[in-house]
Amino acid sequence: MQPSFSRRSLLAAPALIALPATAQPIAGGRNIRLIVPFPPGGAVDLLGRLMAERLSTALGQTVVVENRGGAGGLLGADIVAKGDKDGSVIGLMGVTIMAAYPYMTNRMPFDPERDLAPISKVVDGSLLCVVNADTARRNGWTDFRALIAWSRAHPEQVRMGSSGNGTASHLNIEAINRAADAKILHVPYRGGGPAINDLVAGNIDMMFDVMPALMPHVEAGRFKALAVSSKEAVPFLPNIPGMGSFPELGLANHNLVSWNSIMAPSGVPEPVIQRLHAAIVQVCSDPAFVQRLQPLGYAAATSATPAALTALIAQERPFWRNMVEISGARLD
């Protein structure tokens, strides 16, 4: 594995900028569409709804969530890339769309560097490994080591659901399979929500995904949490080990932390980009919003400027390219 690449941004409290009361509304005051590139019910959808509610207040105009799932988020991202260039269309996108997908296919429907304009990162989040609690009791999966051992003895009989091919969850499990000589079968879905439903039903056995949509099921006893994808445990779940706790499995340096950002179509006027950025910083710097995210396993993390997010994406592409090569993931 590559060294750690998580770089949590400061919340930039000094940049909590009050938007000018006389500022012209974006897109003539029409509703702003926040494209969430996954179906309802998953973690990204939940984050999108939290953001939309608060951005509506910060901007003084309505921001509505529009779910456009499919192709691991590419269909929704394509809608943003081809959207109106007046600020009326923005998208909530994970790092893999910008930094990993270009290495998985020669037929991207858009060019992320050319067709998308970064605005700001909004959250960081480790992936949480959960298993169906009944299946875990039946198979003796008392901890992550036991799960890996069982998968070695029963190749491809542990079925892991994800929100799609090439997502951070997919790349993560393939890296773990390779490092730990595990034999976990990846089962892609059209979004996190459908995968979670099948995990509850026992149709699949496990997930590695961001925490917000998983934690209610952990708390209800339907899922058993075994590990997180970051090297260290996360503050919210101090008793759930990070990958650094499993050096004997070859995972001592495994440290995958996903993040989400808000993007716009290229060509949106710079004043609009800056106004959107200021509104995002205002939302993510609000202590009430930060507190709302913490039980979900997300940490608010903004970019100092849109240009800083552009630089971060460029900086992290080599890591994600390596993850793609390890996984063999293709979108063709």
C-alpha atoms as a PDB file:
ATOM      1  CA  MET A   1       0.000   0.000   0.000  1.00  0.00           C
ATOM      2  CA  GLN A   2       0.985   3.592  -0.511  1.00  0.00           C
ATOM      3  CA  PRO A   3       1.646   5.727   2.568  1.00  0.00           C
ATOM      4  CA  SER A   4      -1.213   7.599   4.204  1.00  0.00           C
ATOM      5  CA  PHE A   5      -2.828  10.245   2.057  1.00  0.00           C
ATOM      6  CA  SER A   6      -5.506  11.615   4.382  1.00  0.00           C
ATOM      7  CA  ARG A   7      -5.087  15.367   4.723  1.00  0.00           C
ATOM      8  CA  ARG A   8      -7.930  16.725   6.803  1.00  0.00           C
ATOM      9  CA  SER A   9      -8.404  20.394   6.109  1.00  0.00           C
ATOM     10  CA  LEU A  10      -8.849  22.910   8.854  1.00  0.00           C
ATOM     11  CA  LEU A  11     -12.380  24.104   9.276  1.00  0.00           C
ATOM     12  CA  ALA A  12     -11.158  27.578   8.465  1.00  0.00           C
ATOM     13  CA  ALA A  13     -13.189  29.374  11.124  1.00  0.00           C
ATOM     14  CA  PRO A  14     -11.737  32.757  10.111  1.00  0.00           C
ATOM     15  CA  ALA A  15     -13.265  32.180   6.691  1.00  0.00           C
ATOM     16  CA  LEU A  16     -16.799  31.965   8.066  1.00  0.00           C
ATOM     17  CA  ILE A  17     -17.900  34.662   5.714  1.00  0.00           C
ATOM     18  CA  ALA A  18     -21.302  36.271   5.851  1.00  0.00           C
ATOM     19  CA  LEU A  19     -22.700  36.390   2.347  1.00  0.00           C
ATOM     20  CA  PRO A  20     -23.553  39.901   1.227  1.00  0.00           C
ATOM     21  CA  ALA A  21     -27.214  40.726   1.721  1.00  0.00           C
ATOM     22  CA  THR A  22     -27.198  42.593  -1.598  1.00  0.00           C
ATOM     23  CA  ALA A  23     -25.633  39.731  -3.580  1.00  0.00           C
ATOM     24  CA  GLN A  24     -27.539  38.785  -6.695  1.00  0.00           C
ATOM     25  CA  PRO A  25     -29.201  35.371  -6.459  1.00  0.00           C
ATOM     26  CA  ILE A  26     -27.451  32.550  -8.298  1.00  0.00           C
ATOM     27  CA  ALA A  27     -29.081  31.548 -11.594  1.00  0.00           C
ATOM     28  CA  GLY A  28     -31.643  34.339 -11.267  1.00  0.00           C
ATOM     29  CA  GLY A  29     -32.982  32.905  -8.031  1.00  0.00           C
ATOM     30  CA  ARG A  30     -34.016  29.547  -9.513  1.00  0.00           C
ATOM     31  CA  ASN A  31     -33.666  26.436  -7.388  1.00  0.00           C
ATOM     32  CA  ILE A  32     -30.128  25.065  -7.291  1.00  0.00           C
ATOM     33  CA  ARG A  33     -29.975  21.343  -8.075  1.00  0.00           C
ATOM     34  CA  LEU A  34     -27.508  19.387  -5.934  1.00  0.00           C
ATOM     35  CA  ILE A  35     -26.903  16.180  -7.885  1.00  0.00           C
ATOM     36  CA  VAL A  36     -26.259  13.173  -5.636  1.00  0.00           C
ATOM     37  CA  PRO A  37     -24.900  10.453  -7.932  1.00  0.00           C
ATOM     38  CA  PHE A  38     -26.371   7.557  -5.941  1.00  0.00           C
ATOM     39  CA  PRO A  39     -29.912   6.401  -5.099  1.00  0.00           C
ATOM     40  CA  PRO A  40     -31.694   7.492  -1.915  1.00  0.00           C
ATOM     41  CA  GLY A  41     -30.841   5.741   1.320  1.00  0.00           C
ATOM     42  CA  GLY A  42     -27.062   5.600   1.177  1.00  0.00           C
ATOM     43  CA  ALA A  43     -24.427   7.612   2.985  1.00  0.00           C
ATOM     44  CA  VAL A  44     -23.788  10.084   0.163  1.00  0.00           C
ATOM     45  CA  ASP A  45     -27.526  10.739  -0.158  1.00  0.00           C
ATOM     46  CA  LEU A  46     -27.744  11.479   3.561  1.00  0.00           C
ATOM     47  CA  LEU A  47     -24.800  13.867   3.360  1.00  0.00           C
ATOM     48  CA  GLY A  48     -26.347  15.569   0.322  1.00  0.00           C
ATOM     49  CA  ARG A  49     -29.592  16.217   2.181  1.00  0.00           C
ATOM     50  CA  LEU A  50     -27.776  17.654   5.177  1.00  0.00           C
ATOM     51  CA  MET A  51     -25.788  19.946   2.877  1.00  0.00           C
ATOM     52  CA  ALA A  52     -28.766  21.023   0.768  1.00  0.00           C
ATOM     53  CA  GLU A  53     -30.799  22.081   3.800  1.00  0.00           C
ATOM     54  CA  ARG A  54     -28.011  24.219   5.173  1.00  0.00           C
ATOM     55  CA  LEU A  55     -26.844  25.627   1.838  1.00  0.00           C
ATOM     56  CA  SER A  56     -30.394  26.831   1.239  1.00  0.00           C
ATOM     57  CA  THR A  57     -30.102  28.958   4.374  1.00  0.00           C
ATOM     58  CA  ALA A  58     -26.555  30.139   3.626  1.00  0.00           C
ATOM     59  CA  LEU A  59     -27.384  31.170   0.060  1.00  0.00           C
ATOM     60  CA  GLY A  60     -30.876  32.472   0.705  1.00  0.00           C
ATOM     61  CA  GLN A  61     -32.369  30.330  -2.063  1.00  0.00           C
ATOM     62  CA  THR A  62     -33.589  26.776  -2.333  1.00  0.00           C
ATOM     63  CA  VAL A  63     -31.128  23.932  -2.912  1.00  0.00           C
ATOM     64  CA  VAL A  64     -32.834  20.649  -3.845  1.00  0.00           C
ATOM     65  CA  VAL A  65     -31.313  17.163  -3.926  1.00  0.00           C
ATOM     66  CA  GLU A  66     -31.648  15.243  -7.170  1.00  0.00           C
ATOM     67  CA  ASN A  67     -30.616  11.573  -7.022  1.00  0.00           C
ATOM     68  CA  ARG A  68     -29.079  10.280 -10.257  1.00  0.00           C
ATOM     69  CA  GLY A  69     -27.551   6.889  -9.483  1.00  0.00           C
ATOM     70  CA  GLY A  70     -25.709   4.491 -11.745  1.00  0.00           C
ATOM     71  CA  ALA A  71     -22.233   3.468 -12.916  1.00  0.00           C
ATOM     72  CA  GLY A  72     -20.692   4.057  -9.506  1.00  0.00           C
ATOM     73  CA  GLY A  73     -21.600   7.740  -9.585  1.00  0.00           C
ATOM     74  CA  LEU A  74     -20.546   8.467 -13.170  1.00  0.00           C
ATOM     75  CA  LEU A  75     -24.065   9.055 -14.484  1.00  0.00           C
ATOM     76  CA  GLY A  76     -24.728  11.766 -11.930  1.00  0.00           C
ATOM     77  CA  ALA A  77     -21.289  13.288 -12.404  1.00  0.00           C
ATOM     78  CA  ASP A  78     -21.917  13.440 -16.151  1.00  0.00           C
ATOM     79  CA  ILE A  79     -25.118  15.422 -15.546  1.00  0.00           C
ATOM     80  CA  VAL A  80     -23.103  17.946 -13.563  1.00  0.00           C
ATOM     81  CA  ALA A  81     -20.334  18.110 -16.183  1.00  0.00           C
ATOM     82  CA  LYS A  82     -22.919  18.867 -18.876  1.00  0.00           C
ATOM     83  CA  GLY A  83     -25.099  21.117 -16.698  1.00  0.00           C
ATOM     84  CA  ASP A  84     -25.963  24.777 -17.131  1.00  0.00           C
ATOM     85  CA  LYS A  85     -23.026  27.053 -16.466  1.00  0.00           C
ATOM     86  CA  ASP A  86     -24.892  29.510 -14.247  1.00  0.00           C
ATOM     87  CA  GLY A  87     -24.486  27.803 -10.862  1.00  0.00           C
ATOM     88  CA  SER A  88     -27.899  26.154 -10.946  1.00  0.00           C
ATOM     89  CA  VAL A  89     -26.333  22.652 -11.094  1.00  0.00           C
ATOM     90  CA  ILE A  90     -23.747  21.410  -8.606  1.00  0.00           C
ATOM     91  CA  GLY A  91     -22.784  17.885  -7.581  1.00  0.00           C
ATOM     92  CA  LEU A  92     -21.647  16.000  -4.497  1.00  0.00           C
ATOM     93  CA  MET A  93     -18.802  13.772  -5.643  1.00  0.00           C
ATOM     94  CA  GLY A  94     -16.407  11.342  -4.069  1.00  0.00           C
ATOM     95  CA  VAL A  95     -12.672  11.400  -4.659  1.00  0.00           C
ATOM     96  CA  THR A  96     -12.788   8.329  -6.912  1.00  0.00           C
ATOM     97  CA  ILE A  97     -14.752  10.134  -9.622  1.00  0.00           C
ATOM     98  CA  MET A  98     -12.025  12.733  -9.925  1.00  0.00           C
ATOM     99  CA  ALA A  99      -8.899  10.724  -9.105  1.00  0.00           C
ATOM    100  CA  ALA A 100      -9.576   7.037  -9.841  1.00  0.00           C
ATOM    101  CA  TYR A 101     -12.200   6.610 -12.554  1.00  0.00           C
ATOM    102  CA  PRO A 102     -10.048   8.148 -15.314  1.00  0.00           C
ATOM    103  CA  TYR A 103      -7.689   5.165 -14.867  1.00  0.00           C
ATOM    104  CA  MET A 104     -10.483   2.589 -15.129  1.00  0.00           C
ATOM    105  CA  THR A 105     -11.838   3.336 -18.576  1.00  0.00           C
ATOM    106  CA  ASN A 106     -10.953   4.863 -21.922  1.00  0.00           C
ATOM    107  CA  ARG A 107     -14.584   5.855 -22.391  1.00  0.00           C
ATOM    108  CA  MET A 108     -15.265   8.409 -19.697  1.00  0.00           C
ATOM    109  CA  PRO A 109     -18.376  10.398 -20.722  1.00  0.00           C
ATOM    110  CA  PHE A 110     -16.586  13.581 -19.640  1.00  0.00           C
ATOM    111  CA  ASP A 111     -13.094  14.771 -18.737  1.00  0.00           C
ATOM    112  CA  PRO A 112     -12.991  15.536 -14.986  1.00  0.00           C
ATOM    113  CA  GLU A 113     -10.146  18.033 -15.345  1.00  0.00           C
ATOM    114  CA  ARG A 114     -11.700  19.848 -18.293  1.00  0.00           C
ATOM    115  CA  ASP A 115     -15.433  19.580 -17.577  1.00  0.00           C
ATOM    116  CA  LEU A 116     -15.734  19.951 -13.791  1.00  0.00           C
ATOM    117  CA  ALA A 117     -14.900  22.961 -11.651  1.00  0.00           C
ATOM    118  CA  PRO A 118     -13.895  22.149  -8.057  1.00  0.00           C
ATOM    119  CA  ILE A 119     -15.556  24.294  -5.379  1.00  0.00           C
ATOM    120  CA  SER A 120     -14.684  22.762  -2.003  1.00  0.00           C
ATOM    121  CA  LYS A 121     -14.174  19.526  -0.156  1.00  0.00           C
ATOM    122  CA  VAL A 122     -16.889  19.025   2.466  1.00  0.00           C
ATOM    123  CA  VAL A 123     -16.102  15.863   4.484  1.00  0.00           C
ATOM    124  CA  ASP A 124     -13.545  13.162   5.193  1.00  0.00           C
ATOM    125  CA  GLY A 125     -14.625   9.712   6.288  1.00  0.00           C
ATOM    126  CA  SER A 126     -13.015   6.337   6.923  1.00  0.00           C
ATOM    127  CA  LEU A 127     -14.808   3.273   5.597  1.00  0.00           C
ATOM    128  CA  LEU A 128     -16.398   1.009   8.183  1.00  0.00           C
ATOM    129  CA  CYS A 129     -16.328  -2.780   7.834  1.00  0.00           C
ATOM    130  CA  VAL A 130     -19.628  -4.302   8.930  1.00  0.00           C
ATOM    131  CA  VAL A 131     -21.015  -7.821   8.632  1.00  0.00           C
ATOM    132  CA  ASN A 132     -24.520  -9.174   8.975  1.00  0.00           C
ATOM    133  CA  ALA A 133     -24.781  -9.947  12.690  1.00  0.00           C
ATOM    134  CA  ASP A 134     -26.614 -13.250  12.246  1.00  0.00           C
ATOM    135  CA  THR A 135     -24.107 -14.438   9.641  1.00  0.00           C
ATOM    136  CA  ALA A 136     -21.243 -13.406  11.901  1.00  0.00           C
ATOM    137  CA  ARG A 137     -22.610 -15.481  14.795  1.00  0.00           C
ATOM    138  CA  ARG A 138     -23.172 -18.466  12.541  1.00  0.00           C
ATOM    139  CA  ASN A 139     -19.665 -18.372  11.031  1.00  0.00           C
ATOM    140  CA  GLY A 140     -17.719 -17.302  14.096  1.00  0.00           C
ATOM    141  CA  TRP A 141     -16.712 -13.868  12.776  1.00  0.00           C
ATOM    142  CA  THR A 142     -15.888 -12.477  16.189  1.00  0.00           C
ATOM    143  CA  ASP A 143     -13.414  -9.954  14.779  1.00  0.00           C
ATOM    144  CA  PHE A 144     -11.742  -8.862  11.544  1.00  0.00           C
ATOM    145  CA  ARG A 145      -9.019 -11.507  11.790  1.00  0.00           C
ATOM    146  CA  ALA A 146     -11.652 -14.246  11.996  1.00  0.00           C
ATOM    147  CA  LEU A 147     -13.416 -12.844   8.928  1.00  0.00           C
ATOM    148  CA  ILE A 148     -10.195 -12.871   6.910  1.00  0.00           C
ATOM    149  CA  ALA A 149      -9.344 -16.407   8.070  1.00  0.00           C
ATOM    150  CA  TRP A 150     -12.813 -17.649   7.118  1.00  0.00           C
ATOM    151  CA  SER A 151     -12.551 -16.043   3.680  1.00  0.00           C
ATOM    152  CA  ARG A 152      -9.240 -17.808   3.065  1.00  0.00           C
ATOM    153  CA  ALA A 153     -10.801 -21.149   3.968  1.00  0.00           C
ATOM    154  CA  HIS A 154     -13.957 -20.465   1.923  1.00  0.00           C
ATOM    155  CA  PRO A 155     -12.813 -18.616  -1.239  1.00  0.00           C
ATOM    156  CA  GLU A 156     -15.353 -16.110  -2.625  1.00  0.00           C
ATOM    157  CA  GLN A 157     -18.038 -17.232  -0.191  1.00  0.00           C
ATOM    158  CA  VAL A 158     -17.824 -13.959   1.752  1.00  0.00           C
ATOM    159  CA  ARG A 159     -19.801 -11.542  -0.417  1.00  0.00           C
ATOM    160  CA  MET A 160     -19.085  -7.824   0.032  1.00  0.00           C
ATOM    161  CA  GLY A 161     -21.547  -5.308  -1.381  1.00  0.00           C
ATOM    162  CA  SER A 162     -20.517  -1.850  -2.564  1.00  0.00           C
ATOM    163  CA  SER A 163     -22.124   1.133  -4.241  1.00  0.00           C
ATOM    164  CA  GLY A 164     -20.490   0.215  -7.564  1.00  0.00           C
ATOM    165  CA  ASN A 165     -17.410  -0.884  -9.470  1.00  0.00           C
ATOM    166  CA  GLY A 166     -14.412   1.360  -8.910  1.00  0.00           C
ATOM    167  CA  THR A 167     -15.759   3.047  -5.798  1.00  0.00           C
ATOM    168  CA  ALA A 168     -13.529   3.512  -2.753  1.00  0.00           C
ATOM    169  CA  SER A 169     -15.176   0.459  -1.171  1.00  0.00           C
ATOM    170  CA  HIS A 170     -14.280  -1.705  -4.167  1.00  0.00           C
ATOM    171  CA  LEU A 171     -10.701  -0.470  -4.388  1.00  0.00           C
ATOM    172  CA  ASN A 172     -10.292  -0.895  -0.645  1.00  0.00           C
ATOM    173  CA  ILE A 173     -11.411  -4.535  -0.505  1.00  0.00           C
ATOM    174  CA  GLU A 174      -9.267  -5.540  -3.470  1.00  0.00           C
ATOM    175  CA  ALA A 175      -6.215  -3.999  -1.783  1.00  0.00           C
ATOM    176  CA  ILE A 176      -7.065  -5.917   1.398  1.00  0.00           C
ATOM    177  CA  ASN A 177      -7.565  -9.146  -0.562  1.00  0.00           C
ATOM    178  CA  ARG A 178      -4.150  -8.734  -2.122  1.00  0.00           C
ATOM    179  CA  ALA A 179      -2.300  -7.771   1.062  1.00  0.00           C
ATOM    180  CA  ALA A 180      -3.981 -10.312   3.362  1.00  0.00           C
ATOM    181  CA  ASP A 181      -4.397 -13.149   0.838  1.00  0.00           C
ATOM    182  CA  ALA A 182      -8.126 -12.921   1.515  1.00  0.00           C
ATOM    183  CA  LYS A 183     -10.762 -14.282  -0.863  1.00  0.00           C
ATOM    184  CA  ILE A 184     -13.659 -11.855  -0.429  1.00  0.00           C
ATOM    185  CA  LEU A 185     -16.009 -11.539  -3.426  1.00  0.00           C
ATOM    186  CA  HIS A 186     -16.961  -8.018  -4.496  1.00  0.00           C
ATOM    187  CA  VAL A 187     -20.647  -7.563  -5.411  1.00  0.00           C
ATOM    188  CA  PRO A 188     -21.358  -4.126  -6.978  1.00  0.00           C
ATOM    189  CA  TYR A 189     -24.717  -2.375  -6.611  1.00  0.00           C
ATOM    190  CA  ARG A 190     -26.127   0.815  -8.114  1.00  0.00           C
ATOM    191  CA  GLY A 191     -25.747   2.590  -4.789  1.00  0.00           C
ATOM    192  CA  GLY A 192     -25.141   2.099  -1.098  1.00  0.00           C
ATOM    193  CA  GLY A 193     -28.852   1.970  -0.209  1.00  0.00           C
ATOM    194  CA  PRO A 194     -29.662  -1.214  -2.177  1.00  0.00           C
ATOM    195  CA  ALA A 195     -26.502  -2.898  -0.875  1.00  0.00           C
ATOM    196  CA  ILE A 196     -27.441  -2.083   2.719  1.00  0.00           C
ATOM    197  CA  ASN A 197     -30.917  -3.526   2.184  1.00  0.00           C
ATOM    198  CA  ASP A 198     -29.400  -6.788   0.950  1.00  0.00           C
ATOM    199  CA  LEU A 199     -26.965  -6.878   3.869  1.00  0.00           C
ATOM    200  CA  VAL A 200     -29.865  -6.507   6.303  1.00  0.00           C
ATOM    201  CA  ALA A 201     -31.651  -9.357   4.500  1.00  0.00           C
ATOM    202  CA  GLY A 202     -28.560 -11.569   4.552  1.00  0.00           C
ATOM    203  CA  ASN A 203     -28.273 -11.728   0.768  1.00  0.00           C
ATOM    204  CA  ILE A 204     -24.689 -10.454   1.100  1.00  0.00           C
ATOM    205  CA  ASP A 205     -22.378 -10.808   4.078  1.00  0.00           C
ATOM    206  CA  MET A 206     -20.441  -7.574   4.548  1.00  0.00           C
ATOM    207  CA  MET A 207     -19.777  -4.019   3.449  1.00  0.00           C
ATOM    208  CA  PHE A 208     -16.875  -1.597   3.667  1.00  0.00           C
ATOM    209  CA  ASP A 209     -18.538   1.802   3.305  1.00  0.00           C
ATOM    210  CA  VAL A 210     -18.703   5.273   4.810  1.00  0.00           C
ATOM    211  CA  MET A 211     -20.418   5.279   8.168  1.00  0.00           C
ATOM    212  CA  PRO A 212     -23.590   7.419   8.124  1.00  0.00           C
ATOM    213  CA  ALA A 213     -25.933   4.871   6.572  1.00  0.00           C
ATOM    214  CA  LEU A 214     -24.350   1.918   8.411  1.00  0.00           C
ATOM    215  CA  MET A 215     -24.290   3.157  11.996  1.00  0.00           C
ATOM    216  CA  PRO A 216     -28.066   2.939  12.680  1.00  0.00           C
ATOM    217  CA  HIS A 217     -27.905  -0.761  11.802  1.00  0.00           C
ATOM    218  CA  VAL A 218     -24.844  -1.261  14.016  1.00  0.00           C
ATOM    219  CA  GLU A 219     -26.633   0.434  16.905  1.00  0.00           C
ATOM    220  CA  ALA A 220     -29.749  -1.696  16.292  1.00  0.00           C
ATOM    221  CA  GLY A 221     -27.697  -4.905  16.375  1.00  0.00           C
ATOM    222  CA  ARG A 222     -28.346  -5.873  12.751  1.00  0.00           C
ATOM    223  CA  PHE A 223     -24.716  -5.265  11.726  1.00  0.00           C
ATOM    224  CA  LYS A 224     -21.523  -6.044  13.609  1.00  0.00           C
ATOM    225  CA  ALA A 225     -18.678  -3.526  13.136  1.00  0.00           C
ATOM    226  CA  LEU A 226     -15.235  -5.145  12.790  1.00  0.00           C
ATOM    227  CA  ALA A 227     -12.744  -2.524  11.547  1.00  0.00           C
ATOM    228  CA  VAL A 228     -12.187   0.794   9.790  1.00  0.00           C
ATOM    229  CA  SER A 229     -10.187   1.342   6.599  1.00  0.00           C
ATOM    230  CA  SER A 230      -7.910   4.023   8.052  1.00  0.00           C
ATOM    231  CA  LYS A 231      -4.646   3.024   9.703  1.00  0.00           C
ATOM    232  CA  GLU A 232      -5.808   4.277  13.097  1.00  0.00           C
ATOM    233  CA  ALA A 233      -9.141   3.929  14.849  1.00  0.00           C
ATOM    234  CA  VAL A 234     -11.502   6.893  14.496  1.00  0.00           C
ATOM    235  CA  PRO A 235     -12.443   9.001  17.549  1.00  0.00           C
ATOM    236  CA  PHE A 236     -16.131   8.171  17.299  1.00  0.00           C
ATOM    237  CA  LEU A 237     -15.457   4.399  17.427  1.00  0.00           C
ATOM    238  CA  PRO A 238     -12.320   4.039  19.550  1.00  0.00           C
ATOM    239  CA  ASN A 239     -12.906   0.331  20.161  1.00  0.00           C
ATOM    240  CA  ILE A 240     -13.111  -0.553  16.446  1.00  0.00           C
ATOM    241  CA  PRO A 241      -9.564  -1.222  15.205  1.00  0.00           C
ATOM    242  CA  GLY A 242      -7.924   0.427  12.235  1.00  0.00           C
ATOM    243  CA  MET A 243      -5.971  -1.488   9.632  1.00  0.00           C
ATOM    244  CA  GLY A 244      -2.724  -0.724  11.441  1.00  0.00           C
ATOM    245  CA  SER A 245      -3.850  -3.200  14.118  1.00  0.00           C
ATOM    246  CA  PHE A 246      -3.366  -6.075  11.673  1.00  0.00           C
ATOM    247  CA  PRO A 247       0.328  -6.081  10.697  1.00  0.00           C
ATOM    248  CA  GLU A 248       0.307  -9.873  10.542  1.00  0.00           C
ATOM    249  CA  LEU A 249      -2.232  -9.586   7.705  1.00  0.00           C
ATOM    250  CA  GLY A 250       0.048  -7.280   5.718  1.00  0.00           C
ATOM    251  CA  LEU A 251      -2.116  -4.255   6.507  1.00  0.00           C
ATOM    252  CA  ALA A 252       0.203  -2.238   8.769  1.00  0.00           C
ATOM    253  CA  ASN A 253       0.349   0.674   6.295  1.00  0.00           C
ATOM    254  CA  HIS A 254      -3.132   0.401   4.807  1.00  0.00           C
ATOM    255  CA  ASN A 255      -4.748   3.812   5.272  1.00  0.00           C
ATOM    256  CA  LEU A 256      -7.702   4.614   3.068  1.00  0.00           C
ATOM    257  CA  VAL A 257      -9.822   7.655   3.913  1.00  0.00           C
ATOM    258  CA  SER A 258     -12.441   8.727   1.408  1.00  0.00           C
ATOM    259  CA  TRP A 259     -13.713  12.278   0.974  1.00  0.00           C
ATOM    260  CA  ASN A 260     -16.499  14.110  -0.794  1.00  0.00           C
ATOM    261  CA  SER A 261     -16.506  17.501  -2.475  1.00  0.00           C
ATOM    262  CA  ILE A 262     -18.902  19.779  -4.279  1.00  0.00           C
ATOM    263  CA  MET A 263     -18.218  20.424  -7.955  1.00  0.00           C
ATOM    264  CA  ALA A 264     -19.805  22.554 -10.667  1.00  0.00           C
ATOM    265  CA  PRO A 265     -19.644  22.443 -14.461  1.00  0.00           C
ATOM    266  CA  SER A 266     -16.596  24.145 -15.914  1.00  0.00           C
ATOM    267  CA  GLY A 267     -17.418  27.605 -17.165  1.00  0.00           C
ATOM    268  CA  VAL A 268     -19.471  28.750 -14.180  1.00  0.00           C
ATOM    269  CA  PRO A 269     -18.464  32.399 -13.591  1.00  0.00           C
ATOM    270  CA  GLU A 270     -15.774  32.854 -10.960  1.00  0.00           C
ATOM    271  CA  PRO A 271     -17.931  35.117  -8.729  1.00  0.00           C
ATOM    272  CA  VAL A 272     -20.545  32.343  -8.561  1.00  0.00           C
ATOM    273  CA  ILE A 273     -17.889  29.735  -7.726  1.00  0.00           C
ATOM    274  CA  GLN A 274     -16.563  31.974  -4.962  1.00  0.00           C
ATOM    275  CA  ARG A 275     -20.046  32.573  -3.564  1.00  0.00           C
ATOM    276  CA  LEU A 276     -20.761  28.847  -3.506  1.00  0.00           C
ATOM    277  CA  HIS A 277     -17.404  28.220  -1.841  1.00  0.00           C
ATOM    278  CA  ALA A 278     -18.153  30.817   0.858  1.00  0.00           C
ATOM    279  CA  ALA A 279     -21.542  29.222   1.517  1.00  0.00           C
ATOM    280  CA  ILE A 280     -19.993  25.732   1.829  1.00  0.00           C
ATOM    281  CA  VAL A 281     -17.347  27.009   4.247  1.00  0.00           C
ATOM    282  CA  GLN A 282     -20.089  28.732   6.253  1.00  0.00           C
ATOM    283  CA  VAL A 283     -22.070  25.491   6.486  1.00  0.00           C
ATOM    284  CA  CYS A 284     -19.078  23.273   7.332  1.00  0.00           C
ATOM    285  CA  SER A 285     -17.767  25.726   9.940  1.00  0.00           C
ATOM    286  CA  ASP A 286     -21.054  25.762  11.836  1.00  0.00           C
ATOM    287  CA  PRO A 287     -20.499  23.870  15.124  1.00  0.00           C
ATOM    288  CA  ALA A 288     -24.031  22.466  14.923  1.00  0.00           C
ATOM    289  CA  PHE A 289     -23.279  20.934  11.518  1.00  0.00           C
ATOM    290  CA  VAL A 290     -19.938  19.556  12.709  1.00  0.00           C
ATOM    291  CA  GLN A 291     -21.682  17.998  15.708  1.00  0.00           C
ATOM    292  CA  ARG A 292     -24.393  16.530  13.463  1.00  0.00           C
ATOM    293  CA  LEU A 293     -21.740  14.807  11.346  1.00  0.00           C
ATOM    294  CA  GLN A 294     -19.696  13.290  14.176  1.00  0.00           C
ATOM    295  CA  PRO A 295     -22.102  10.483  15.181  1.00  0.00           C
ATOM    296  CA  LEU A 296     -22.275   9.566  11.503  1.00  0.00           C
ATOM    297  CA  GLY A 297     -18.528   9.070  11.208  1.00  0.00           C
ATOM    298  CA  TYR A 298     -17.950  12.078   8.962  1.00  0.00           C
ATOM    299  CA  ALA A 299     -15.608  14.968   9.726  1.00  0.00           C
ATOM    300  CA  ALA A 300     -16.262  18.353   8.134  1.00  0.00           C
ATOM    301  CA  ALA A 301     -13.261  19.323   6.022  1.00  0.00           C
ATOM    302  CA  THR A 302     -13.255  22.259   3.599  1.00  0.00           C
ATOM    303  CA  SER A 303     -10.785  23.489   0.994  1.00  0.00           C
ATOM    304  CA  ALA A 304      -9.173  26.862   1.664  1.00  0.00           C
ATOM    305  CA  THR A 305      -9.978  27.868  -1.937  1.00  0.00           C
ATOM    306  CA  PRO A 306     -11.336  26.143  -5.044  1.00  0.00           C
ATOM    307  CA  ALA A 307      -7.766  26.128  -6.372  1.00  0.00           C
ATOM    308  CA  ALA A 308      -6.667  24.223  -3.260  1.00  0.00           C
ATOM    309  CA  LEU A 309      -9.137  21.450  -4.084  1.00  0.00           C
ATOM    310  CA  THR A 310      -7.828  21.323  -7.652  1.00  0.00           C
ATOM    311  CA  ALA A 311      -4.310  20.889  -6.267  1.00  0.00           C
ATOM    312  CA  LEU A 312      -5.433  18.184  -3.819  1.00  0.00           C
ATOM    313  CA  ILE A 313      -7.037  16.139  -6.592  1.00  0.00           C
ATOM    314  CA  ALA A 314      -3.839  16.333  -8.660  1.00  0.00           C
ATOM    315  CA  GLN A 315      -1.763  15.377  -5.621  1.00  0.00           C
ATOM    316  CA  GLU A 316      -3.841  12.285  -4.843  1.00  0.00           C
ATOM    317  CA  ARG A 317      -4.193  10.884  -8.362  1.00  0.00           C
ATOM    318  CA  PRO A 318      -1.000   8.754  -8.119  1.00  0.00           C
ATOM    319  CA  PHE A 319      -2.333   7.028  -4.981  1.00  0.00           C
ATOM    320  CA  TRP A 320      -5.662   6.216  -6.589  1.00  0.00           C
ATOM    321  CA  ARG A 321      -4.016   5.113  -9.810  1.00  0.00           C
ATOM    322  CA  ASN A 322      -2.042   2.596  -7.760  1.00  0.00           C
ATOM    323  CA  MET A 323      -5.244   1.428  -6.063  1.00  0.00           C
ATOM    324  CA  VAL A 324      -6.857   0.896  -9.466  1.00  0.00           C
ATOM    325  CA  GLU A 325      -3.887  -1.145 -10.650  1.00  0.00           C
ATOM    326  CA  ILE A 326      -4.018  -3.289  -7.488  1.00  0.00           C
ATOM    327  CA  SER A 327      -7.746  -3.889  -7.844  1.00  0.00           C
ATOM    328  CA  GLY A 328      -7.852  -4.449 -11.584  1.00  0.00           C
ATOM    329  CA  ALA A 329     -11.119  -2.488 -11.561  1.00  0.00           C
ATOM    330  CA  ARG A 330     -12.524  -1.541 -14.960  1.00  0.00           C
ATOM    331  CA  LEU A 331     -15.624   0.389 -15.942  1.00  0.00           C
ATOM    332  CA  ASP A 332     -15.642  -0.727 -19.593  1.00  0.00           C
END
